[in-house]
Amino acid sequence: MEFRSVFVSCEHGGNDVPTEYAGLFAGAEEVLKTHRGWDPGALAAARHFAGLFGVPVHFSTVTRLLVDLNRSLGSPTLFSEFSGRLSEEERETVLERYYTPYRQGTMEQVQKLIETGRGPVLHLSIHSFTPVFNGVVRRAEIGLLYDPASGLEKQFCHRVRARLRRSPMKWLVRSNYPYRGTGDGLILTMRRALTAGTYAGVNLELPQGLYMERRERWDRLIEETGEALLRCRAAVRRRRAGKVRTA
């Protein structure tokens, strides 16, 4: 098997508030600008990576504080303290307008790629993380989140990590950090719904600190990460064909 197709998504690409819900966020403008409202830099990175692969980006710019597209329906953080004030009927409307179309659209597009590509699909879900969370400093410049039980995901991420660590920039790359690769999220839902061996889902976590304060280093990180993703996808394909041993 090999990655015949690549699918790129970005669930927290913006902090837009739909007009009909503006009243919920009156006075919360500063909160919307923070990592709680969106993933700064994630959509720009997703567009760069998708451009390299020659594929579109599946994304949303509706703030995660209205509904978090990267959480399951049973998650206690699906709705925030702002949208949690809505009635049950109103929350169902939010799900029907924003959550369900995004999640169903993701599933349908990936299933189509699986059916037409005759090989597993590599899904790259692009996110960014705040440098300090609950008083804890996150020490990483990129996190590769995957399921250790998935041979395809593990092999791909190990190759990407090795390539980035060889860079003169000495990137600090960590696996399943700052979150577990098997935690609640869109990719977990996809893994559970799709036949084993047809899908490999990887979350890329990028540092908001670089995006906000050290843009030159951020640009270099995105450039080199994109190159690593391209080359390691090809390396996985060649290894599956028995032509190479290393990335």
C-alpha atoms as a PDB file:
ATOM      1  CA  MET A   1       0.000   0.000   0.000  1.00  0.00           C
ATOM      2  CA  GLU A   2       1.020   3.587  -0.536  1.00  0.00           C
ATOM      3  CA  PHE A   3      -0.390   7.097  -0.090  1.00  0.00           C
ATOM      4  CA  ARG A   4      -2.070   7.649  -3.431  1.00  0.00           C
ATOM      5  CA  SER A   5      -3.946  10.736  -2.210  1.00  0.00           C
ATOM      6  CA  VAL A   6      -3.480  13.538   0.321  1.00  0.00           C
ATOM      7  CA  PHE A   7      -6.264  15.407   2.093  1.00  0.00           C
ATOM      8  CA  VAL A   8      -5.520  18.637   4.003  1.00  0.00           C
ATOM      9  CA  SER A   9      -7.887  20.167   6.542  1.00  0.00           C
ATOM     10  CA  CYS A  10      -7.901  23.021   9.043  1.00  0.00           C
ATOM     11  CA  GLU A  11     -10.686  22.983  11.611  1.00  0.00           C
ATOM     12  CA  HIS A  12      -9.765  26.178  13.482  1.00  0.00           C
ATOM     13  CA  GLY A  13      -8.764  28.465  10.626  1.00  0.00           C
ATOM     14  CA  GLY A  14     -10.385  31.665  11.886  1.00  0.00           C
ATOM     15  CA  ASN A  15     -12.322  33.433  14.624  1.00  0.00           C
ATOM     16  CA  ASP A  16     -15.333  34.569  12.618  1.00  0.00           C
ATOM     17  CA  VAL A  17     -18.629  34.988  14.454  1.00  0.00           C
ATOM     18  CA  PRO A  18     -21.747  34.505  12.301  1.00  0.00           C
ATOM     19  CA  THR A  19     -23.939  37.596  12.464  1.00  0.00           C
ATOM     20  CA  GLU A  20     -26.851  35.813  14.140  1.00  0.00           C
ATOM     21  CA  TYR A  21     -24.600  34.854  17.069  1.00  0.00           C
ATOM     22  CA  ALA A  22     -22.797  38.168  17.516  1.00  0.00           C
ATOM     23  CA  GLY A  23     -24.725  38.891  20.717  1.00  0.00           C
ATOM     24  CA  LEU A  24     -23.182  35.863  22.415  1.00  0.00           C
ATOM     25  CA  PHE A  25     -19.729  37.388  22.087  1.00  0.00           C
ATOM     26  CA  ALA A  26     -20.442  41.007  23.005  1.00  0.00           C
ATOM     27  CA  GLY A  27     -17.469  42.149  25.068  1.00  0.00           C
ATOM     28  CA  ALA A  28     -15.462  39.028  24.222  1.00  0.00           C
ATOM     29  CA  GLU A  29     -13.482  40.528  21.342  1.00  0.00           C
ATOM     30  CA  GLU A  30     -10.136  40.005  23.075  1.00  0.00           C
ATOM     31  CA  VAL A  31     -10.917  36.371  23.879  1.00  0.00           C
ATOM     32  CA  LEU A  32     -11.754  35.734  20.235  1.00  0.00           C
ATOM     33  CA  LYS A  33      -8.273  36.930  19.261  1.00  0.00           C
ATOM     34  CA  THR A  34      -6.556  34.401  21.514  1.00  0.00           C
ATOM     35  CA  HIS A  35      -5.836  30.706  20.967  1.00  0.00           C
ATOM     36  CA  ARG A  36      -9.227  29.985  22.483  1.00  0.00           C
ATOM     37  CA  GLY A  37     -10.939  31.566  19.484  1.00  0.00           C
ATOM     38  CA  TRP A  38      -8.840  30.042  16.701  1.00  0.00           C
ATOM     39  CA  ASP A  39      -5.477  28.538  15.727  1.00  0.00           C
ATOM     40  CA  PRO A  40      -3.291  31.462  14.556  1.00  0.00           C
ATOM     41  CA  GLY A  41      -1.176  30.551  11.539  1.00  0.00           C
ATOM     42  CA  ALA A  42      -2.816  27.170  10.977  1.00  0.00           C
ATOM     43  CA  LEU A  43      -4.801  28.059   7.854  1.00  0.00           C
ATOM     44  CA  ALA A  44      -1.851  29.805   6.206  1.00  0.00           C
ATOM     45  CA  ALA A  45       0.274  26.716   6.841  1.00  0.00           C
ATOM     46  CA  ALA A  46      -2.475  24.391   5.595  1.00  0.00           C
ATOM     47  CA  ARG A  47      -2.739  26.357   2.361  1.00  0.00           C
ATOM     48  CA  HIS A  48       1.009  26.164   1.864  1.00  0.00           C
ATOM     49  CA  PHE A  49       1.118  22.398   2.400  1.00  0.00           C
ATOM     50  CA  ALA A  50      -1.929  21.815   0.199  1.00  0.00           C
ATOM     51  CA  GLY A  51      -0.340  23.883  -2.547  1.00  0.00           C
ATOM     52  CA  LEU A  52       2.738  21.682  -2.478  1.00  0.00           C
ATOM     53  CA  PHE A  53       0.592  18.570  -2.895  1.00  0.00           C
ATOM     54  CA  GLY A  54      -1.617  20.228  -5.485  1.00  0.00           C
ATOM     55  CA  VAL A  55      -4.820  19.687  -3.507  1.00  0.00           C
ATOM     56  CA  PRO A  56      -7.457  22.041  -2.031  1.00  0.00           C
ATOM     57  CA  VAL A  57      -7.834  22.772   1.677  1.00  0.00           C
ATOM     58  CA  HIS A  58     -10.970  21.752   3.546  1.00  0.00           C
ATOM     59  CA  PHE A  59     -11.314  24.431   6.232  1.00  0.00           C
ATOM     60  CA  SER A  60     -13.534  26.523   8.450  1.00  0.00           C
ATOM     61  CA  THR A  61     -13.057  30.063   9.765  1.00  0.00           C
ATOM     62  CA  VAL A  62     -15.964  30.006  12.231  1.00  0.00           C
ATOM     63  CA  THR A  63     -14.608  30.465  15.748  1.00  0.00           C
ATOM     64  CA  ARG A  64     -14.226  27.323  17.816  1.00  0.00           C
ATOM     65  CA  LEU A  65     -15.947  29.227  20.641  1.00  0.00           C
ATOM     66  CA  LEU A  66     -19.237  28.804  18.785  1.00  0.00           C
ATOM     67  CA  VAL A  67     -18.708  25.095  18.127  1.00  0.00           C
ATOM     68  CA  ASP A  68     -15.476  23.119  18.071  1.00  0.00           C
ATOM     69  CA  LEU A  69     -15.299  21.162  14.826  1.00  0.00           C
ATOM     70  CA  ASN A  70     -12.454  19.058  16.229  1.00  0.00           C
ATOM     71  CA  ARG A  71     -14.507  17.600  19.077  1.00  0.00           C
ATOM     72  CA  SER A  72     -16.965  14.736  19.134  1.00  0.00           C
ATOM     73  CA  LEU A  73     -20.659  15.274  19.797  1.00  0.00           C
ATOM     74  CA  GLY A  74     -20.279  14.004  23.355  1.00  0.00           C
ATOM     75  CA  SER A  75     -17.351  16.243  24.243  1.00  0.00           C
ATOM     76  CA  PRO A  76     -17.862  18.675  27.161  1.00  0.00           C
ATOM     77  CA  THR A  77     -15.906  21.293  25.177  1.00  0.00           C
ATOM     78  CA  LEU A  78     -17.965  21.025  21.986  1.00  0.00           C
ATOM     79  CA  PHE A  79     -19.632  24.281  23.021  1.00  0.00           C
ATOM     80  CA  SER A  80     -17.871  27.051  24.961  1.00  0.00           C
ATOM     81  CA  GLU A  81     -19.107  29.064  27.908  1.00  0.00           C
ATOM     82  CA  PHE A  82     -20.449  31.536  25.327  1.00  0.00           C
ATOM     83  CA  SER A  83     -22.390  29.171  23.064  1.00  0.00           C
ATOM     84  CA  GLY A  84     -23.266  26.914  25.980  1.00  0.00           C
ATOM     85  CA  ARG A  85     -25.830  29.539  26.991  1.00  0.00           C
ATOM     86  CA  LEU A  86     -27.901  28.665  23.936  1.00  0.00           C
ATOM     87  CA  SER A  87     -30.990  26.508  24.352  1.00  0.00           C
ATOM     88  CA  GLU A  88     -30.840  22.873  23.283  1.00  0.00           C
ATOM     89  CA  GLU A  89     -32.779  23.720  20.126  1.00  0.00           C
ATOM     90  CA  GLU A  90     -30.430  26.594  19.324  1.00  0.00           C
ATOM     91  CA  ARG A  91     -27.374  24.375  19.824  1.00  0.00           C
ATOM     92  CA  GLU A  92     -28.897  21.835  17.430  1.00  0.00           C
ATOM     93  CA  THR A  93     -29.215  24.614  14.857  1.00  0.00           C
ATOM     94  CA  VAL A  94     -25.526  25.461  15.272  1.00  0.00           C
ATOM     95  CA  LEU A  95     -24.650  21.820  14.699  1.00  0.00           C
ATOM     96  CA  GLU A  96     -26.839  21.646  11.592  1.00  0.00           C
ATOM     97  CA  ARG A  97     -25.359  24.817  10.085  1.00  0.00           C
ATOM     98  CA  TYR A  98     -21.663  24.444  10.870  1.00  0.00           C
ATOM     99  CA  TYR A  99     -20.622  21.210  12.577  1.00  0.00           C
ATOM    100  CA  THR A 100     -22.424  18.508  10.618  1.00  0.00           C
ATOM    101  CA  PRO A 101     -21.710  19.895   7.121  1.00  0.00           C
ATOM    102  CA  TYR A 102     -17.999  20.193   7.923  1.00  0.00           C
ATOM    103  CA  ARG A 103     -17.661  16.733   9.428  1.00  0.00           C
ATOM    104  CA  GLN A 104     -19.787  15.050   6.780  1.00  0.00           C
ATOM    105  CA  GLY A 105     -17.930  16.914   4.051  1.00  0.00           C
ATOM    106  CA  THR A 106     -14.626  15.659   5.406  1.00  0.00           C
ATOM    107  CA  MET A 107     -15.824  12.067   5.502  1.00  0.00           C
ATOM    108  CA  GLU A 108     -17.354  12.178   2.032  1.00  0.00           C
ATOM    109  CA  GLN A 109     -14.261  13.697   0.430  1.00  0.00           C
ATOM    110  CA  VAL A 110     -11.892  11.214   2.056  1.00  0.00           C
ATOM    111  CA  GLN A 111     -14.136   8.287   1.132  1.00  0.00           C
ATOM    112  CA  LYS A 112     -14.153   9.467  -2.472  1.00  0.00           C
ATOM    113  CA  LEU A 113     -10.348   9.646  -2.483  1.00  0.00           C
ATOM    114  CA  ILE A 114     -10.148   6.129  -1.052  1.00  0.00           C
ATOM    115  CA  GLU A 115     -12.515   4.784  -3.704  1.00  0.00           C
ATOM    116  CA  THR A 116     -10.771   6.463  -6.635  1.00  0.00           C
ATOM    117  CA  GLY A 117      -7.149   6.334  -5.466  1.00  0.00           C
ATOM    118  CA  ARG A 118      -6.820   2.591  -4.896  1.00  0.00           C
ATOM    119  CA  GLY A 119      -4.658   3.161  -1.860  1.00  0.00           C
ATOM    120  CA  PRO A 120      -4.750   4.701   1.624  1.00  0.00           C
ATOM    121  CA  VAL A 121      -5.341   8.423   1.987  1.00  0.00           C
ATOM    122  CA  LEU A 122      -2.969  10.583   4.039  1.00  0.00           C
ATOM    123  CA  HIS A 123      -5.024  13.144   5.970  1.00  0.00           C
ATOM    124  CA  LEU A 124      -3.062  16.090   7.360  1.00  0.00           C
ATOM    125  CA  SER A 125      -5.073  18.120   9.882  1.00  0.00           C
ATOM    126  CA  ILE A 126      -3.263  21.400  10.608  1.00  0.00           C
ATOM    127  CA  HIS A 127      -3.445  23.093  14.018  1.00  0.00           C
ATOM    128  CA  SER A 128      -1.366  25.459  16.141  1.00  0.00           C
ATOM    129  CA  PHE A 129      -0.710  25.540  19.883  1.00  0.00           C
ATOM    130  CA  THR A 130      -0.250  28.332  22.393  1.00  0.00           C
ATOM    131  CA  PRO A 131       3.264  28.510  23.915  1.00  0.00           C
ATOM    132  CA  VAL A 132       1.944  28.452  27.494  1.00  0.00           C
ATOM    133  CA  PHE A 133      -1.140  26.522  28.594  1.00  0.00           C
ATOM    134  CA  ASN A 134      -2.414  26.473  32.182  1.00  0.00           C
ATOM    135  CA  GLY A 135       0.937  27.838  33.323  1.00  0.00           C
ATOM    136  CA  VAL A 136       2.941  25.113  31.564  1.00  0.00           C
ATOM    137  CA  VAL A 137       5.458  26.109  28.887  1.00  0.00           C
ATOM    138  CA  ARG A 138       5.198  23.970  25.739  1.00  0.00           C
ATOM    139  CA  ARG A 139       8.683  23.088  24.555  1.00  0.00           C
ATOM    140  CA  ALA A 140       8.361  22.181  20.898  1.00  0.00           C
ATOM    141  CA  GLU A 141       8.392  23.813  17.480  1.00  0.00           C
ATOM    142  CA  ILE A 142       6.275  21.171  15.831  1.00  0.00           C
ATOM    143  CA  GLY A 143       4.219  18.292  17.158  1.00  0.00           C
ATOM    144  CA  LEU A 144       3.373  15.228  15.086  1.00  0.00           C
ATOM    145  CA  LEU A 145       0.269  13.519  16.447  1.00  0.00           C
ATOM    146  CA  TYR A 146      -0.481   9.975  15.317  1.00  0.00           C
ATOM    147  CA  ASP A 147      -1.746   6.606  16.514  1.00  0.00           C
ATOM    148  CA  PRO A 148       1.267   4.469  17.550  1.00  0.00           C
ATOM    149  CA  ALA A 149      -0.750   1.378  16.612  1.00  0.00           C
ATOM    150  CA  SER A 150      -0.986   2.532  12.984  1.00  0.00           C
ATOM    151  CA  GLY A 151       2.070   1.397  11.038  1.00  0.00           C
ATOM    152  CA  LEU A 152       1.458   3.869   8.224  1.00  0.00           C
ATOM    153  CA  GLU A 153       1.015   6.859  10.541  1.00  0.00           C
ATOM    154  CA  LYS A 154       3.975   5.900  12.713  1.00  0.00           C
ATOM    155  CA  GLN A 155       6.341   5.305   9.801  1.00  0.00           C
ATOM    156  CA  PHE A 156       5.381   8.547   8.089  1.00  0.00           C
ATOM    157  CA  CYS A 157       5.741  10.681  11.233  1.00  0.00           C
ATOM    158  CA  HIS A 158       9.060   9.098  12.203  1.00  0.00           C
ATOM    159  CA  ARG A 159      10.438   9.948   8.781  1.00  0.00           C
ATOM    160  CA  VAL A 160       9.175  13.529   8.926  1.00  0.00           C
ATOM    161  CA  ARG A 161      10.631  13.966  12.411  1.00  0.00           C
ATOM    162  CA  ALA A 162      14.011  12.546  11.386  1.00  0.00           C
ATOM    163  CA  ARG A 163      14.227  14.777   8.340  1.00  0.00           C
ATOM    164  CA  LEU A 164      13.348  17.952  10.265  1.00  0.00           C
ATOM    165  CA  ARG A 165      15.815  17.116  13.024  1.00  0.00           C
ATOM    166  CA  ARG A 166      18.607  16.921  10.429  1.00  0.00           C
ATOM    167  CA  SER A 167      17.929  20.502   9.387  1.00  0.00           C
ATOM    168  CA  PRO A 168      20.589  23.164  10.166  1.00  0.00           C
ATOM    169  CA  MET A 169      17.746  24.990  11.942  1.00  0.00           C
ATOM    170  CA  LYS A 170      17.717  22.239  14.604  1.00  0.00           C
ATOM    171  CA  TRP A 171      13.946  22.157  14.893  1.00  0.00           C
ATOM    172  CA  LEU A 172      12.540  20.868  18.159  1.00  0.00           C
ATOM    173  CA  VAL A 173      10.197  18.156  16.891  1.00  0.00           C
ATOM    174  CA  ARG A 174       8.185  15.970  19.251  1.00  0.00           C
ATOM    175  CA  SER A 175       5.833  13.057  18.702  1.00  0.00           C
ATOM    176  CA  ASN A 176       2.317  13.092  20.189  1.00  0.00           C
ATOM    177  CA  TYR A 177       2.941  16.458  21.821  1.00  0.00           C
ATOM    178  CA  PRO A 178       1.444  18.682  23.147  1.00  0.00           C
ATOM    179  CA  TYR A 179      -1.502  16.287  22.856  1.00  0.00           C
ATOM    180  CA  ARG A 180      -1.960  12.547  22.439  1.00  0.00           C
ATOM    181  CA  GLY A 181      -2.415  11.365  18.890  1.00  0.00           C
ATOM    182  CA  THR A 182      -5.290   9.144  19.990  1.00  0.00           C
ATOM    183  CA  GLY A 183      -7.263  11.829  21.805  1.00  0.00           C
ATOM    184  CA  ASP A 184     -10.730  13.059  20.889  1.00  0.00           C
ATOM    185  CA  GLY A 185     -10.775  14.769  17.519  1.00  0.00           C
ATOM    186  CA  LEU A 186     -11.870  14.646  13.904  1.00  0.00           C
ATOM    187  CA  ILE A 187      -9.096  12.231  12.944  1.00  0.00           C
ATOM    188  CA  LEU A 188     -10.082   9.777  15.685  1.00  0.00           C
ATOM    189  CA  THR A 189     -13.627   9.768  14.330  1.00  0.00           C
ATOM    190  CA  MET A 190     -12.298   9.158  10.821  1.00  0.00           C
ATOM    191  CA  ARG A 191     -10.097   6.265  11.954  1.00  0.00           C
ATOM    192  CA  ARG A 192     -13.027   4.577  13.657  1.00  0.00           C
ATOM    193  CA  ALA A 193     -15.355   4.989  10.678  1.00  0.00           C
ATOM    194  CA  LEU A 194     -13.010   3.921   7.873  1.00  0.00           C
ATOM    195  CA  THR A 195     -11.703   0.480   7.053  1.00  0.00           C
ATOM    196  CA  ALA A 196      -8.258  -0.253   8.475  1.00  0.00           C
ATOM    197  CA  GLY A 197      -5.487   0.297   5.958  1.00  0.00           C
ATOM    198  CA  THR A 198      -7.416   2.810   3.861  1.00  0.00           C
ATOM    199  CA  TYR A 199      -6.683   5.906   5.946  1.00  0.00           C
ATOM    200  CA  ALA A 200      -3.801   7.503   7.819  1.00  0.00           C
ATOM    201  CA  GLY A 201      -4.560  10.595   9.879  1.00  0.00           C
ATOM    202  CA  VAL A 202      -1.880  12.923  11.235  1.00  0.00           C
ATOM    203  CA  ASN A 203      -2.371  16.119  13.231  1.00  0.00           C
ATOM    204  CA  LEU A 204       0.355  18.719  12.758  1.00  0.00           C
ATOM    205  CA  GLU A 205       0.654  21.087  15.726  1.00  0.00           C
ATOM    206  CA  LEU A 206       2.573  24.289  14.933  1.00  0.00           C
ATOM    207  CA  PRO A 207       3.831  26.952  17.383  1.00  0.00           C
ATOM    208  CA  GLN A 208       1.742  30.102  17.649  1.00  0.00           C
ATOM    209  CA  GLY A 209       4.652  31.820  19.361  1.00  0.00           C
ATOM    210  CA  LEU A 210       6.740  31.705  16.186  1.00  0.00           C
ATOM    211  CA  TYR A 211       3.819  32.840  14.058  1.00  0.00           C
ATOM    212  CA  MET A 212       3.097  35.832  16.285  1.00  0.00           C
ATOM    213  CA  GLU A 213       6.604  36.910  17.268  1.00  0.00           C
ATOM    214  CA  ARG A 214       9.278  35.309  15.080  1.00  0.00           C
ATOM    215  CA  ARG A 215       7.769  35.289  11.609  1.00  0.00           C
ATOM    216  CA  GLU A 216      11.030  34.697   9.768  1.00  0.00           C
ATOM    217  CA  ARG A 217      11.668  31.488  11.703  1.00  0.00           C
ATOM    218  CA  TRP A 218       8.010  30.512  11.294  1.00  0.00           C
ATOM    219  CA  ASP A 219       8.270  30.918   7.509  1.00  0.00           C
ATOM    220  CA  ARG A 220      11.370  28.743   7.466  1.00  0.00           C
ATOM    221  CA  LEU A 221       9.638  26.105   9.593  1.00  0.00           C
ATOM    222  CA  ILE A 222       6.634  25.969   7.259  1.00  0.00           C
ATOM    223  CA  GLU A 223       8.889  25.766   4.224  1.00  0.00           C
ATOM    224  CA  GLU A 224      11.002  22.926   5.604  1.00  0.00           C
ATOM    225  CA  THR A 225       8.019  21.081   7.051  1.00  0.00           C
ATOM    226  CA  GLY A 226       6.306  21.192   3.680  1.00  0.00           C
ATOM    227  CA  GLU A 227       9.394  19.798   1.990  1.00  0.00           C
ATOM    228  CA  ALA A 228       9.624  17.037   4.615  1.00  0.00           C
ATOM    229  CA  LEU A 229       5.974  16.100   4.133  1.00  0.00           C
ATOM    230  CA  LEU A 230       6.452  15.854   0.383  1.00  0.00           C
ATOM    231  CA  ARG A 231       9.634  13.817   0.519  1.00  0.00           C
ATOM    232  CA  CYS A 232       8.486  11.497   3.279  1.00  0.00           C
ATOM    233  CA  ARG A 233       5.225  10.747   1.534  1.00  0.00           C
ATOM    234  CA  ALA A 234       7.307   9.739  -1.485  1.00  0.00           C
ATOM    235  CA  ALA A 235       9.665   7.725   0.735  1.00  0.00           C
ATOM    236  CA  VAL A 236       6.768   5.772   2.216  1.00  0.00           C
ATOM    237  CA  ARG A 237       5.523   5.061  -1.292  1.00  0.00           C
ATOM    238  CA  ARG A 238       8.940   3.865  -2.478  1.00  0.00           C
ATOM    239  CA  ARG A 239       9.506   1.743   0.609  1.00  0.00           C
ATOM    240  CA  ARG A 240       6.146   0.091   0.103  1.00  0.00           C
ATOM    241  CA  ALA A 241       7.369  -0.738  -3.398  1.00  0.00           C
ATOM    242  CA  GLY A 242      10.606  -2.142  -1.925  1.00  0.00           C
ATOM    243  CA  LYS A 243      12.914   0.418  -3.543  1.00  0.00           C
ATOM    244  CA  VAL A 244      14.437   2.288  -0.610  1.00  0.00           C
ATOM    245  CA  ARG A 245      15.230   1.766   3.074  1.00  0.00           C
ATOM    246  CA  THR A 246      15.573   5.311   4.410  1.00  0.00           C
ATOM    247  CA  ALA A 247      14.018   8.729   3.823  1.00  0.00           C
END
